[in-house]
Amino acid sequence: MQHLMGLVRRCIDDYQMIAPGDKIAVGVSGGKDSMLLAKLMRLLQRHSEVPFEAVYLIMDPGYSPENRRRVEENARRL
């Protein structure tokens, strides 16, 4: 996870992707990629020298009630 976080930080710095005071929306669908992005953004928010706000949005394309509960629970853990 540290290696991946280092790559994310480098990309953000190199391309100036986040500026102080930015508000960033992170779409969480429940898949591995969106959950990983949400986790990385949370870590970045805690450890970044650039203050920014992250908002996590749960997308529901028509999940079964059980799957929706699982996605919501994972989002709460973040």
N, C-alpha and C. Protein backbone atom coordinates (compact mmCIF):
# COMPACT_ATOMS: atom_id res chain seq x y z
N MET A 1 0.83 -1.19 0.00
CA MET A 1 0.00 0.00 0.00
C MET A 1 0.88 1.26 0.00
N GLN A 2 2.02 1.21 0.69
CA GLN A 2 2.90 2.37 0.74
C GLN A 2 3.45 2.71 -0.65
N HIS A 3 3.80 1.69 -1.41
CA HIS A 3 4.32 1.92 -2.76
C HIS A 3 3.25 2.60 -3.62
N LEU A 4 2.04 2.09 -3.56
CA LEU A 4 0.95 2.66 -4.34
C LEU A 4 0.67 4.09 -3.90
N MET A 5 0.69 4.33 -2.60
CA MET A 5 0.45 5.68 -2.09
C MET A 5 1.55 6.63 -2.57
N GLY A 6 2.77 6.15 -2.63
CA GLY A 6 3.87 6.97 -3.14
C GLY A 6 3.65 7.37 -4.59
N LEU A 7 3.17 6.43 -5.39
CA LEU A 7 2.89 6.74 -6.80
C LEU A 7 1.77 7.77 -6.92
N VAL A 8 0.74 7.62 -6.11
CA VAL A 8 -0.39 8.56 -6.14
C VAL A 8 0.10 9.95 -5.76
N ARG A 9 0.87 10.04 -4.69
CA ARG A 9 1.39 11.35 -4.27
C ARG A 9 2.26 11.99 -5.35
N ARG A 10 3.09 11.18 -5.99
CA ARG A 10 3.96 11.71 -7.04
C ARG A 10 3.14 12.26 -8.21
N CYS A 11 2.13 11.52 -8.62
CA CYS A 11 1.27 11.98 -9.73
C CYS A 11 0.55 13.27 -9.35
N ILE A 12 0.03 13.33 -8.15
CA ILE A 12 -0.68 14.53 -7.71
C ILE A 12 0.25 15.73 -7.68
N ASP A 13 1.48 15.51 -7.20
CA ASP A 13 2.46 16.60 -7.16
C ASP A 13 2.90 17.00 -8.57
N ASP A 14 3.26 16.01 -9.39
CA ASP A 14 3.77 16.29 -10.74
C ASP A 14 2.76 17.05 -11.60
N TYR A 15 1.50 16.69 -11.48
CA TYR A 15 0.47 17.28 -12.32
C TYR A 15 -0.39 18.31 -11.60
N GLN A 16 0.00 18.64 -10.37
CA GLN A 16 -0.72 19.64 -9.56
C GLN A 16 -2.23 19.38 -9.59
N MET A 17 -2.59 18.17 -9.21
CA MET A 17 -3.99 17.74 -9.31
C MET A 17 -4.86 18.22 -8.15
N ILE A 18 -4.23 18.57 -7.02
CA ILE A 18 -4.99 19.03 -5.86
C ILE A 18 -4.38 20.34 -5.38
N ALA A 19 -5.25 21.34 -5.20
CA ALA A 19 -4.82 22.64 -4.68
C ALA A 19 -5.45 22.85 -3.31
N PRO A 20 -4.84 23.67 -2.47
CA PRO A 20 -5.41 23.95 -1.15
C PRO A 20 -6.87 24.40 -1.26
N GLY A 21 -7.71 23.79 -0.44
CA GLY A 21 -9.13 24.15 -0.41
C GLY A 21 -10.00 23.42 -1.41
N ASP A 22 -9.42 22.55 -2.25
CA ASP A 22 -10.22 21.79 -3.21
C ASP A 22 -11.22 20.88 -2.49
N LYS A 23 -12.34 20.66 -3.14
CA LYS A 23 -13.35 19.72 -2.66
C LYS A 23 -13.45 18.65 -3.74
N ILE A 24 -13.12 17.41 -3.39
CA ILE A 24 -13.02 16.33 -4.36
C ILE A 24 -14.10 15.29 -4.09
N ALA A 25 -14.88 14.97 -5.12
CA ALA A 25 -15.90 13.94 -5.01
C ALA A 25 -15.29 12.61 -5.46
N VAL A 26 -15.51 11.58 -4.65
CA VAL A 26 -15.02 10.24 -4.95
C VAL A 26 -16.23 9.33 -5.08
N GLY A 27 -16.48 8.82 -6.27
CA GLY A 27 -17.60 7.91 -6.50
C GLY A 27 -17.24 6.50 -6.06
N VAL A 28 -18.08 5.93 -5.20
CA VAL A 28 -17.85 4.59 -4.68
C VAL A 28 -18.96 3.67 -5.19
N SER A 29 -18.57 2.72 -6.04
CA SER A 29 -19.57 1.80 -6.60
C SER A 29 -19.60 0.47 -5.86
N GLY A 30 -18.59 0.24 -5.03
CA GLY A 30 -18.52 -1.03 -4.32
C GLY A 30 -17.49 -1.97 -4.91
N GLY A 31 -16.99 -1.64 -6.09
CA GLY A 31 -15.96 -2.46 -6.72
C GLY A 31 -14.60 -2.20 -6.07
N LYS A 32 -13.67 -3.08 -6.37
CA LYS A 32 -12.34 -2.97 -5.78
C LYS A 32 -11.64 -1.67 -6.15
N ASP A 33 -11.79 -1.24 -7.40
CA ASP A 33 -11.07 -0.04 -7.83
C ASP A 33 -11.59 1.21 -7.13
N SER A 34 -12.90 1.35 -7.01
CA SER A 34 -13.42 2.57 -6.37
C SER A 34 -13.18 2.54 -4.86
N MET A 35 -13.21 1.36 -4.24
CA MET A 35 -12.91 1.27 -2.81
C MET A 35 -11.44 1.60 -2.55
N LEU A 36 -10.56 1.14 -3.43
CA LEU A 36 -9.14 1.45 -3.28
C LEU A 36 -8.91 2.95 -3.45
N LEU A 37 -9.54 3.56 -4.45
CA LEU A 37 -9.40 5.00 -4.64
C LEU A 37 -9.89 5.76 -3.41
N ALA A 38 -11.02 5.35 -2.85
CA ALA A 38 -11.55 6.01 -1.66
C ALA A 38 -10.57 5.88 -0.49
N LYS A 39 -10.00 4.70 -0.31
CA LYS A 39 -9.03 4.48 0.77
C LYS A 39 -7.78 5.35 0.56
N LEU A 40 -7.28 5.39 -0.67
CA LEU A 40 -6.10 6.21 -0.96
C LEU A 40 -6.38 7.70 -0.73
N MET A 41 -7.55 8.16 -1.13
CA MET A 41 -7.89 9.57 -0.93
C MET A 41 -8.00 9.89 0.56
N ARG A 42 -8.53 8.95 1.32
CA ARG A 42 -8.65 9.16 2.77
C ARG A 42 -7.26 9.27 3.40
N LEU A 43 -6.36 8.38 3.01
CA LEU A 43 -4.99 8.43 3.52
C LEU A 43 -4.29 9.71 3.09
N LEU A 44 -4.48 10.09 1.85
CA LEU A 44 -3.86 11.31 1.34
C LEU A 44 -4.38 12.52 2.10
N GLN A 45 -5.66 12.54 2.37
CA GLN A 45 -6.26 13.66 3.09
C GLN A 45 -5.65 13.77 4.50
N ARG A 46 -5.40 12.66 5.14
CA ARG A 46 -4.83 12.67 6.49
C ARG A 46 -3.37 13.11 6.51
N HIS A 47 -2.61 12.73 5.49
CA HIS A 47 -1.16 12.91 5.52
C HIS A 47 -0.63 13.96 4.55
N SER A 48 -1.50 14.59 3.81
CA SER A 48 -1.06 15.57 2.81
C SER A 48 -0.78 16.92 3.47
N GLU A 49 0.20 17.62 2.91
CA GLU A 49 0.47 18.98 3.36
C GLU A 49 -0.49 19.97 2.73
N VAL A 50 -1.21 19.52 1.71
CA VAL A 50 -2.19 20.37 1.02
C VAL A 50 -3.57 20.05 1.59
N PRO A 51 -4.19 21.00 2.28
CA PRO A 51 -5.52 20.72 2.85
C PRO A 51 -6.59 20.69 1.77
N PHE A 52 -7.39 19.62 1.77
CA PHE A 52 -8.50 19.51 0.82
C PHE A 52 -9.61 18.69 1.48
N GLU A 53 -10.79 18.79 0.92
CA GLU A 53 -11.94 18.05 1.43
C GLU A 53 -12.29 16.95 0.44
N ALA A 54 -12.63 15.79 0.95
CA ALA A 54 -13.08 14.69 0.10
C ALA A 54 -14.51 14.34 0.49
N VAL A 55 -15.35 14.15 -0.51
CA VAL A 55 -16.74 13.76 -0.32
C VAL A 55 -16.92 12.43 -1.03
N TYR A 56 -17.46 11.45 -0.33
CA TYR A 56 -17.62 10.11 -0.89
C TYR A 56 -19.08 9.89 -1.26
N LEU A 57 -19.29 9.58 -2.52
CA LEU A 57 -20.64 9.39 -3.06
C LEU A 57 -20.84 7.92 -3.40
N ILE A 58 -21.91 7.34 -2.88
CA ILE A 58 -22.22 5.95 -3.20
C ILE A 58 -23.15 5.94 -4.40
N MET A 59 -22.74 5.20 -5.41
CA MET A 59 -23.56 5.08 -6.62
C MET A 59 -24.31 3.75 -6.55
N ASP A 60 -25.58 3.77 -6.86
CA ASP A 60 -26.39 2.56 -6.82
C ASP A 60 -27.04 2.34 -8.18
N PRO A 61 -26.46 1.45 -8.98
CA PRO A 61 -27.03 1.19 -10.30
C PRO A 61 -28.17 0.18 -10.26
N GLY A 62 -28.65 -0.15 -9.06
CA GLY A 62 -29.73 -1.12 -8.92
C GLY A 62 -29.30 -2.35 -8.16
N TYR A 63 -28.48 -2.16 -7.13
CA TYR A 63 -28.01 -3.28 -6.32
C TYR A 63 -29.16 -4.01 -5.63
N SER A 64 -28.93 -5.27 -5.35
CA SER A 64 -29.86 -5.99 -4.48
C SER A 64 -29.72 -5.39 -3.08
N PRO A 65 -30.72 -5.52 -2.22
CA PRO A 65 -30.63 -4.95 -0.88
C PRO A 65 -29.38 -5.42 -0.11
N GLU A 66 -29.01 -6.68 -0.26
CA GLU A 66 -27.83 -7.20 0.43
C GLU A 66 -26.55 -6.53 -0.06
N ASN A 67 -26.40 -6.40 -1.37
CA ASN A 67 -25.20 -5.75 -1.92
C ASN A 67 -25.15 -4.27 -1.55
N ARG A 68 -26.29 -3.62 -1.56
CA ARG A 68 -26.32 -2.20 -1.18
C ARG A 68 -25.87 -2.02 0.26
N ARG A 69 -26.34 -2.88 1.15
CA ARG A 69 -25.92 -2.80 2.56
C ARG A 69 -24.41 -2.98 2.67
N ARG A 70 -23.85 -3.90 1.90
CA ARG A 70 -22.41 -4.14 1.94
C ARG A 70 -21.62 -2.91 1.47
N VAL A 71 -22.07 -2.30 0.40
CA VAL A 71 -21.40 -1.10 -0.12
C VAL A 71 -21.49 0.03 0.91
N GLU A 72 -22.66 0.22 1.49
CA GLU A 72 -22.83 1.28 2.49
C GLU A 72 -21.97 1.03 3.73
N GLU A 73 -21.87 -0.22 4.16
CA GLU A 73 -21.04 -0.55 5.32
C GLU A 73 -19.57 -0.28 5.03
N ASN A 74 -19.12 -0.66 3.86
CA ASN A 74 -17.72 -0.40 3.49
C ASN A 74 -17.45 1.10 3.43
N ALA A 75 -18.38 1.87 2.94
CA ALA A 75 -18.22 3.32 2.87
C ALA A 75 -18.16 3.92 4.28
N ARG A 76 -18.97 3.40 5.18
CA ARG A 76 -18.95 3.90 6.57
C ARG A 76 -17.60 3.63 7.24
N ARG A 77 -16.98 2.50 6.89
CA ARG A 77 -15.67 2.16 7.46
C ARG A 77 -14.60 3.18 7.08
N LEU A 78 -14.76 3.77 5.91
CA LEU A 78 -13.79 4.78 5.47
C LEU A 78 -13.94 6.03 6.31
